[in-house]
PDB file of all heavy atoms in Angstrom:
ATOM      1  N   ALA A   1      91.630  72.903  84.855  1.00  0.00           N
ATOM      2  CA  ALA A   1      92.362  72.813  86.117  1.00  0.00           C
ATOM      3  C   ALA A   1      92.202  71.446  86.775  1.00  0.00           C
ATOM      4  O   ALA A   1      93.120  70.977  87.466  1.00  0.00           O
ATOM      5  CB  ALA A   1      91.889  73.906  87.065  1.00  0.00           C
ATOM      6  N   LEU A   2      91.075  70.797  86.539  1.00  0.00           N
ATOM      7  CA  LEU A   2      90.832  69.498  87.157  1.00  0.00           C
ATOM      8  C   LEU A   2      91.753  68.417  86.608  1.00  0.00           C
ATOM      9  O   LEU A   2      91.999  67.410  87.282  1.00  0.00           O
ATOM     10  CB  LEU A   2      89.364  69.095  86.950  1.00  0.00           C
ATOM     11  CG  LEU A   2      88.320  69.954  87.677  1.00  0.00           C
ATOM     12  CD1 LEU A   2      86.915  69.497  87.312  1.00  0.00           C
ATOM     13  CD2 LEU A   2      88.521  69.888  89.191  1.00  0.00           C
ATOM     14  N   THR A   3      92.271  68.619  85.399  1.00  0.00           N
ATOM     15  CA  THR A   3      93.141  67.613  84.778  1.00  0.00           C
ATOM     16  C   THR A   3      94.605  68.050  84.719  1.00  0.00           C
ATOM     17  O   THR A   3      95.473  67.279  84.324  1.00  0.00           O
ATOM     18  CB  THR A   3      92.673  67.294  83.343  1.00  0.00           C
ATOM     19  OG1 THR A   3      92.676  68.499  82.557  1.00  0.00           O
ATOM     20  CG2 THR A   3      91.263  66.730  83.359  1.00  0.00           C
ATOM     21  N   GLY A   4      94.892  69.307  85.093  1.00  0.00           N
ATOM     22  CA  GLY A   4      96.258  69.817  85.021  1.00  0.00           C
ATOM     23  C   GLY A   4      97.022  69.677  86.324  1.00  0.00           C
ATOM     24  O   GLY A   4      96.482  69.230  87.347  1.00  0.00           O
ATOM     25  N   LYS A   5      98.285  70.072  86.285  1.00  0.00           N
ATOM     26  CA  LYS A   5      99.148  70.047  87.460  1.00  0.00           C
ATOM     27  C   LYS A   5      99.591  71.469  87.784  1.00  0.00           C
ATOM     28  O   LYS A   5      99.738  72.297  86.888  1.00  0.00           O
ATOM     29  CB  LYS A   5     100.379  69.167  87.192  1.00  0.00           C
ATOM     30  CG  LYS A   5     100.061  67.713  86.871  1.00  0.00           C
ATOM     31  CD  LYS A   5     101.326  66.941  86.571  1.00  0.00           C
ATOM     32  CE  LYS A   5     101.029  65.486  86.233  1.00  0.00           C
ATOM     33  NZ  LYS A   5     102.274  64.736  85.906  1.00  0.00           N
ATOM     34  N   GLU A   6      99.848  71.717  89.050  1.00  0.00           N
ATOM     35  CA  GLU A   6     100.319  73.033  89.466  1.00  0.00           C
ATOM     36  C   GLU A   6     101.820  73.135  89.179  1.00  0.00           C
ATOM     37  O   GLU A   6     102.649  73.099  90.084  1.00  0.00           O
ATOM     38  CB  GLU A   6     100.015  73.267  90.944  1.00  0.00           C
ATOM     39  CG  GLU A   6     100.198  74.708  91.362  1.00  0.00           C
ATOM     40  CD  GLU A   6      99.897  74.940  92.825  1.00  0.00           C
ATOM     41  OE1 GLU A   6      99.254  74.070  93.451  1.00  0.00           O
ATOM     42  OE2 GLU A   6     100.318  75.982  93.334  1.00  0.00           O
ATOM     43  N   SER A   7     102.139  73.268  87.894  1.00  0.00           N
ATOM     44  CA  SER A   7     103.529  73.234  87.447  1.00  0.00           C
ATOM     45  C   SER A   7     104.212  74.589  87.464  1.00  0.00           C
ATOM     46  O   SER A   7     105.441  74.666  87.364  1.00  0.00           O
ATOM     47  CB  SER A   7     103.600  72.662  86.017  1.00  0.00           C
ATOM     48  OG  SER A   7     103.015  71.382  85.956  1.00  0.00           O
ATOM     49  N   TYR A   8     103.443  75.658  87.536  1.00  0.00           N
ATOM     50  CA  TYR A   8     104.001  77.003  87.455  1.00  0.00           C
ATOM     51  C   TYR A   8     103.806  77.726  88.789  1.00  0.00           C
ATOM     52  O   TYR A   8     102.720  77.711  89.357  1.00  0.00           O
ATOM     53  CB  TYR A   8     103.331  77.790  86.329  1.00  0.00           C
ATOM     54  CG  TYR A   8     103.404  77.090  84.997  1.00  0.00           C
ATOM     55  CD1 TYR A   8     102.292  76.405  84.482  1.00  0.00           C
ATOM     56  CD2 TYR A   8     104.572  77.083  84.248  1.00  0.00           C
ATOM     57  CE1 TYR A   8     102.348  75.744  83.266  1.00  0.00           C
ATOM     58  CE2 TYR A   8     104.644  76.420  83.017  1.00  0.00           C
ATOM     59  CZ  TYR A   8     103.524  75.752  82.548  1.00  0.00           C
ATOM     60  OH  TYR A   8     103.591  75.100  81.343  1.00  0.00           O
ATOM     61  N   GLN A   9     104.885  78.340  89.260  1.00  0.00           N
ATOM     62  CA  GLN A   9     104.824  79.087  90.506  1.00  0.00           C
ATOM     63  C   GLN A   9     104.272  80.482  90.240  1.00  0.00           C
ATOM     64  O   GLN A   9     104.941  81.325  89.655  1.00  0.00           O
ATOM     65  CB  GLN A   9     106.221  79.168  91.130  1.00  0.00           C
ATOM     66  CG  GLN A   9     106.788  77.831  91.542  1.00  0.00           C
ATOM     67  CD  GLN A   9     105.908  77.133  92.576  1.00  0.00           C
ATOM     68  OE1 GLN A   9     105.500  77.739  93.558  1.00  0.00           O
ATOM     69  NE2 GLN A   9     105.613  75.852  92.336  1.00  0.00           N
ATOM     70  N   LEU A  10     103.058  80.707  90.642  1.00  0.00           N
ATOM     71  CA  LEU A  10     102.402  81.988  90.415  1.00  0.00           C
ATOM     72  C   LEU A  10     102.203  82.729  91.740  1.00  0.00           C
ATOM     73  O   LEU A  10     102.054  82.099  92.785  1.00  0.00           O
ATOM     74  CB  LEU A  10     101.044  81.767  89.740  1.00  0.00           C
ATOM     75  CG  LEU A  10     101.085  81.127  88.349  1.00  0.00           C
ATOM     76  CD1 LEU A  10      99.664  80.887  87.833  1.00  0.00           C
ATOM     77  CD2 LEU A  10     101.864  81.984  87.367  1.00  0.00           C
ATOM     78  N   PRO A  11     102.184  84.056  91.697  1.00  0.00           N
ATOM     79  CA  PRO A  11     102.051  84.843  92.925  1.00  0.00           C
ATOM     80  C   PRO A  11     100.646  84.758  93.518  1.00  0.00           C
ATOM     81  O   PRO A  11      99.676  84.451  92.828  1.00  0.00           O
ATOM     82  CB  PRO A  11     102.353  86.265  92.455  1.00  0.00           C
ATOM     83  CG  PRO A  11     101.935  86.272  91.015  1.00  0.00           C
ATOM     84  CD  PRO A  11     102.314  84.916  90.496  1.00  0.00           C
ATOM     85  N   ARG A  12     100.582  85.027  94.805  1.00  0.00           N
ATOM     86  CA  ARG A  12      99.315  85.143  95.537  1.00  0.00           C
ATOM     87  C   ARG A  12      99.205  86.588  96.008  1.00  0.00           C
ATOM     88  O   ARG A  12      99.575  86.901  97.137  1.00  0.00           O
ATOM     89  CB  ARG A  12      99.278  84.224  96.753  1.00  0.00           C
ATOM     90  CG  ARG A  12      98.787  82.798  96.488  1.00  0.00           C
ATOM     91  CD  ARG A  12      99.728  81.958  95.695  1.00  0.00           C
ATOM     92  NE  ARG A  12      99.308  80.544  95.716  1.00  0.00           N
ATOM     93  CZ  ARG A  12      99.695  79.656  94.825  1.00  0.00           C
ATOM     94  NH1 ARG A  12     100.494  80.020  93.818  1.00  0.00           N
ATOM     95  NH2 ARG A  12      99.296  78.396  94.916  1.00  0.00           N
ATOM     96  N   PRO A  13      98.730  87.501  95.163  1.00  0.00           N
ATOM     97  CA  PRO A  13      98.737  88.933  95.502  1.00  0.00           C
ATOM     98  C   PRO A  13      97.978  89.246  96.787  1.00  0.00           C
ATOM     99  O   PRO A  13      96.874  88.754  97.003  1.00  0.00           O
ATOM    100  CB  PRO A  13      98.061  89.586  94.291  1.00  0.00           C
ATOM    101  CG  PRO A  13      98.263  88.612  93.172  1.00  0.00           C
ATOM    102  CD  PRO A  13      98.197  87.266  93.815  1.00  0.00           C
ATOM    103  N   MET A  14      98.588  90.048  97.635  1.00  0.00           N
ATOM    104  CA  MET A  14      97.983  90.554  98.879  1.00  0.00           C
ATOM    105  C   MET A  14      97.539  89.429  99.813  1.00  0.00           C
ATOM    106  O   MET A  14      96.652  89.624 100.641  1.00  0.00           O
ATOM    107  CB  MET A  14      96.799  91.482  98.564  1.00  0.00           C
ATOM    108  CG  MET A  14      97.161  92.706  97.739  1.00  0.00           C
ATOM    109  SD  MET A  14      95.774  93.845  97.463  1.00  0.00           S
ATOM    110  CE  MET A  14      95.562  94.525  99.129  1.00  0.00           C
ATOM    111  N   LEU A  15      98.153  88.271  99.694  1.00  0.00           N
ATOM    112  CA  LEU A  15      97.741  87.114 100.485  1.00  0.00           C
ATOM    113  C   LEU A  15      97.786  87.399 101.986  1.00  0.00           C
ATOM    114  O   LEU A  15      96.882  87.002 102.732  1.00  0.00           O
ATOM    115  CB  LEU A  15      98.632  85.909 100.168  1.00  0.00           C
ATOM    116  CG  LEU A  15      98.275  84.603 100.870  1.00  0.00           C
ATOM    117  CD1 LEU A  15      96.943  84.071 100.359  1.00  0.00           C
ATOM    118  CD2 LEU A  15      99.379  83.567 100.664  1.00  0.00           C
ATOM    119  N   ASP A  16      98.814  88.086 102.432  1.00  0.00           N
ATOM    120  CA  ASP A  16      99.013  88.315 103.861  1.00  0.00           C
ATOM    121  C   ASP A  16      98.615  89.718 104.311  1.00  0.00           C
ATOM    122  O   ASP A  16      98.995  90.156 105.395  1.00  0.00           O
ATOM    123  CB  ASP A  16     100.483  88.062 104.222  1.00  0.00           C
ATOM    124  CG  ASP A  16     100.914  86.635 103.896  1.00  0.00           C
ATOM    125  OD1 ASP A  16     100.121  85.716 104.163  1.00  0.00           O
ATOM    126  OD2 ASP A  16     102.027  86.452 103.359  1.00  0.00           O
ATOM    127  N   VAL A  17      97.865  90.416 103.463  1.00  0.00           N
ATOM    128  CA  VAL A  17      97.516  91.809 103.758  1.00  0.00           C
ATOM    129  C   VAL A  17      96.004  91.971 103.846  1.00  0.00           C
ATOM    130  O   VAL A  17      95.306  91.934 102.831  1.00  0.00           O
ATOM    131  CB  VAL A  17      98.071  92.762 102.678  1.00  0.00           C
ATOM    132  CG1 VAL A  17      97.739  94.210 103.029  1.00  0.00           C
ATOM    133  CG2 VAL A  17      99.569  92.566 102.513  1.00  0.00           C
ATOM    134  N   GLY A  18      95.485  92.139 105.042  1.00  0.00           N
ATOM    135  CA  GLY A  18      94.089  92.505 105.250  1.00  0.00           C
ATOM    136  C   GLY A  18      93.073  91.652 104.510  1.00  0.00           C
ATOM    137  O   GLY A  18      93.246  90.448 104.319  1.00  0.00           O
ATOM    138  N   TYR A  19      92.007  92.330 104.065  1.00  0.00           N
ATOM    139  CA  TYR A  19      90.893  91.648 103.409  1.00  0.00           C
ATOM    140  C   TYR A  19      90.688  92.065 101.950  1.00  0.00           C
ATOM    141  O   TYR A  19      89.819  91.516 101.274  1.00  0.00           O
ATOM    142  CB  TYR A  19      89.597  91.915 104.176  1.00  0.00           C
ATOM    143  CG  TYR A  19      89.573  91.295 105.552  1.00  0.00           C
ATOM    144  CD1 TYR A  19      89.472  92.088 106.697  1.00  0.00           C
ATOM    145  CD2 TYR A  19      89.650  89.920 105.711  1.00  0.00           C
ATOM    146  CE1 TYR A  19      89.446  91.525 107.957  1.00  0.00           C
ATOM    147  CE2 TYR A  19      89.629  89.340 106.970  1.00  0.00           C
ATOM    148  CZ  TYR A  19      89.533  90.148 108.092  1.00  0.00           C
ATOM    149  OH  TYR A  19      89.507  89.577 109.340  1.00  0.00           O
ATOM    150  N   ASP A  20      91.460  93.019 101.466  1.00  0.00           N
ATOM    151  CA  ASP A  20      91.309  93.438 100.076  1.00  0.00           C
ATOM    152  C   ASP A  20      91.956  92.431  99.132  1.00  0.00           C
ATOM    153  O   ASP A  20      92.824  91.641  99.526  1.00  0.00           O
ATOM    154  CB  ASP A  20      91.919  94.825  99.861  1.00  0.00           C
ATOM    155  CG  ASP A  20      91.068  95.943 100.444  1.00  0.00           C
ATOM    156  OD1 ASP A  20      89.838  95.766 100.495  1.00  0.00           O
ATOM    157  OD2 ASP A  20      91.623  96.976 100.838  1.00  0.00           O
ATOM    158  N   PHE A  21      91.540  92.494  97.868  1.00  0.00           N
ATOM    159  CA  PHE A  21      92.014  91.565  96.856  1.00  0.00           C
ATOM    160  C   PHE A  21      92.680  92.321  95.709  1.00  0.00           C
ATOM    161  O   PHE A  21      92.396  93.496  95.471  1.00  0.00           O
ATOM    162  CB  PHE A  21      90.844  90.752  96.276  1.00  0.00           C
ATOM    163  CG  PHE A  21      90.079  89.957  97.283  1.00  0.00           C
ATOM    164  CD1 PHE A  21      88.985  90.518  97.949  1.00  0.00           C
ATOM    165  CD2 PHE A  21      90.410  88.652  97.570  1.00  0.00           C
ATOM    166  CE1 PHE A  21      88.258  89.789  98.874  1.00  0.00           C
ATOM    167  CE2 PHE A  21      89.690  87.909  98.500  1.00  0.00           C
ATOM    168  CZ  PHE A  21      88.609  88.489  99.149  1.00  0.00           C
ATOM    169  N   SER A  22      93.535  91.609  94.968  1.00  0.00           N
ATOM    170  CA  SER A  22      94.116  92.128  93.732  1.00  0.00           C
ATOM    171  C   SER A  22      94.460  90.937  92.855  1.00  0.00           C
ATOM    172  O   SER A  22      95.134  90.000  93.301  1.00  0.00           O
ATOM    173  CB  SER A  22      95.380  92.943  94.027  1.00  0.00           C
ATOM    174  OG  SER A  22      96.041  93.279  92.817  1.00  0.00           O
ATOM    175  N   PHE A  23      93.993  90.970  91.619  1.00  0.00           N
ATOM    176  CA  PHE A  23      94.242  89.853  90.721  1.00  0.00           C
ATOM    177  C   PHE A  23      94.961  90.263  89.439  1.00  0.00           C
ATOM    178  O   PHE A  23      95.257  89.413  88.595  1.00  0.00           O
ATOM    179  CB  PHE A  23      92.924  89.147  90.384  1.00  0.00           C
ATOM    180  CG  PHE A  23      92.317  88.435  91.555  1.00  0.00           C
ATOM    181  CD1 PHE A  23      91.306  89.032  92.296  1.00  0.00           C
ATOM    182  CD2 PHE A  23      92.775  87.189  91.943  1.00  0.00           C
ATOM    183  CE1 PHE A  23      90.749  88.400  93.391  1.00  0.00           C
ATOM    184  CE2 PHE A  23      92.231  86.537  93.046  1.00  0.00           C
ATOM    185  CZ  PHE A  23      91.210  87.151  93.773  1.00  0.00           C
ATOM    186  N   SER A  24      95.250  91.547  89.271  1.00  0.00           N
ATOM    187  CA  SER A  24      95.924  91.981  88.042  1.00  0.00           C
ATOM    188  C   SER A  24      97.342  91.424  87.971  1.00  0.00           C
ATOM    189  O   SER A  24      97.823  91.046  86.902  1.00  0.00           O
ATOM    190  CB  SER A  24      95.940  93.510  87.956  1.00  0.00           C
ATOM    191  OG  SER A  24      96.664  94.075  89.026  1.00  0.00           O
ATOM    192  N   GLY A  25      98.043  91.375  89.105  1.00  0.00           N
ATOM    193  CA  GLY A  25      99.398  90.841  89.105  1.00  0.00           C
ATOM    194  C   GLY A  25      99.436  89.364  88.776  1.00  0.00           C
ATOM    195  O   GLY A  25     100.327  88.895  88.063  1.00  0.00           O
ATOM    196  N   LEU A  26      98.467  88.633  89.277  1.00  0.00           N
ATOM    197  CA  LEU A  26      98.371  87.200  88.973  1.00  0.00           C
ATOM    198  C   LEU A  26      98.097  87.000  87.496  1.00  0.00           C
ATOM    199  O   LEU A  26      98.712  86.140  86.841  1.00  0.00           O
ATOM    200  CB  LEU A  26      97.262  86.576  89.818  1.00  0.00           C
ATOM    201  CG  LEU A  26      96.915  85.111  89.529  1.00  0.00           C
ATOM    202  CD1 LEU A  26      98.125  84.206  89.684  1.00  0.00           C
ATOM    203  CD2 LEU A  26      95.775  84.655  90.452  1.00  0.00           C
ATOM    204  N   LYS A  27      97.213  87.791  86.953  1.00  0.00           N
ATOM    205  CA  LYS A  27      96.895  87.715  85.528  1.00  0.00           C
ATOM    206  C   LYS A  27      98.139  88.017  84.683  1.00  0.00           C
ATOM    207  O   LYS A  27      98.412  87.319  83.689  1.00  0.00           O
ATOM    208  CB  LYS A  27      95.784  88.718  85.209  1.00  0.00           C
ATOM    209  CG  LYS A  27      95.380  88.812  83.753  1.00  0.00           C
ATOM    210  CD  LYS A  27      94.500  90.024  83.546  1.00  0.00           C
ATOM    211  CE  LYS A  27      95.255  91.310  83.840  1.00  0.00           C
ATOM    212  NZ  LYS A  27      94.437  92.516  83.649  1.00  0.00           N
ATOM    213  N   SER A  28      98.924  89.013  85.071  1.00  0.00           N
ATOM    214  CA  SER A  28     100.143  89.373  84.336  1.00  0.00           C
ATOM    215  C   SER A  28     101.179  88.257  84.418  1.00  0.00           C
ATOM    216  O   SER A  28     101.893  87.984  83.449  1.00  0.00           O
ATOM    217  CB  SER A  28     100.734  90.674  84.895  1.00  0.00           C
ATOM    218  OG  SER A  28      99.830  91.751  84.719  1.00  0.00           O
ATOM    219  N   ALA A  29     101.262  87.597  85.574  1.00  0.00           N
ATOM    220  CA  ALA A  29     102.202  86.497  85.734  1.00  0.00           C
ATOM    221  C   ALA A  29     101.844  85.334  84.813  1.00  0.00           C
ATOM    222  O   ALA A  29     102.728  84.683  84.234  1.00  0.00           O
ATOM    223  CB  ALA A  29     102.215  86.040  87.187  1.00  0.00           C
TER     224      ALA A  29
END
């Protein structure tokens, strides 16, 4: 990541919802 570019638009699951987390959708993307 230190040498790459943010070239792909990936989701930020549950970003605007409370304090819980979810990373399965990001992994699938």
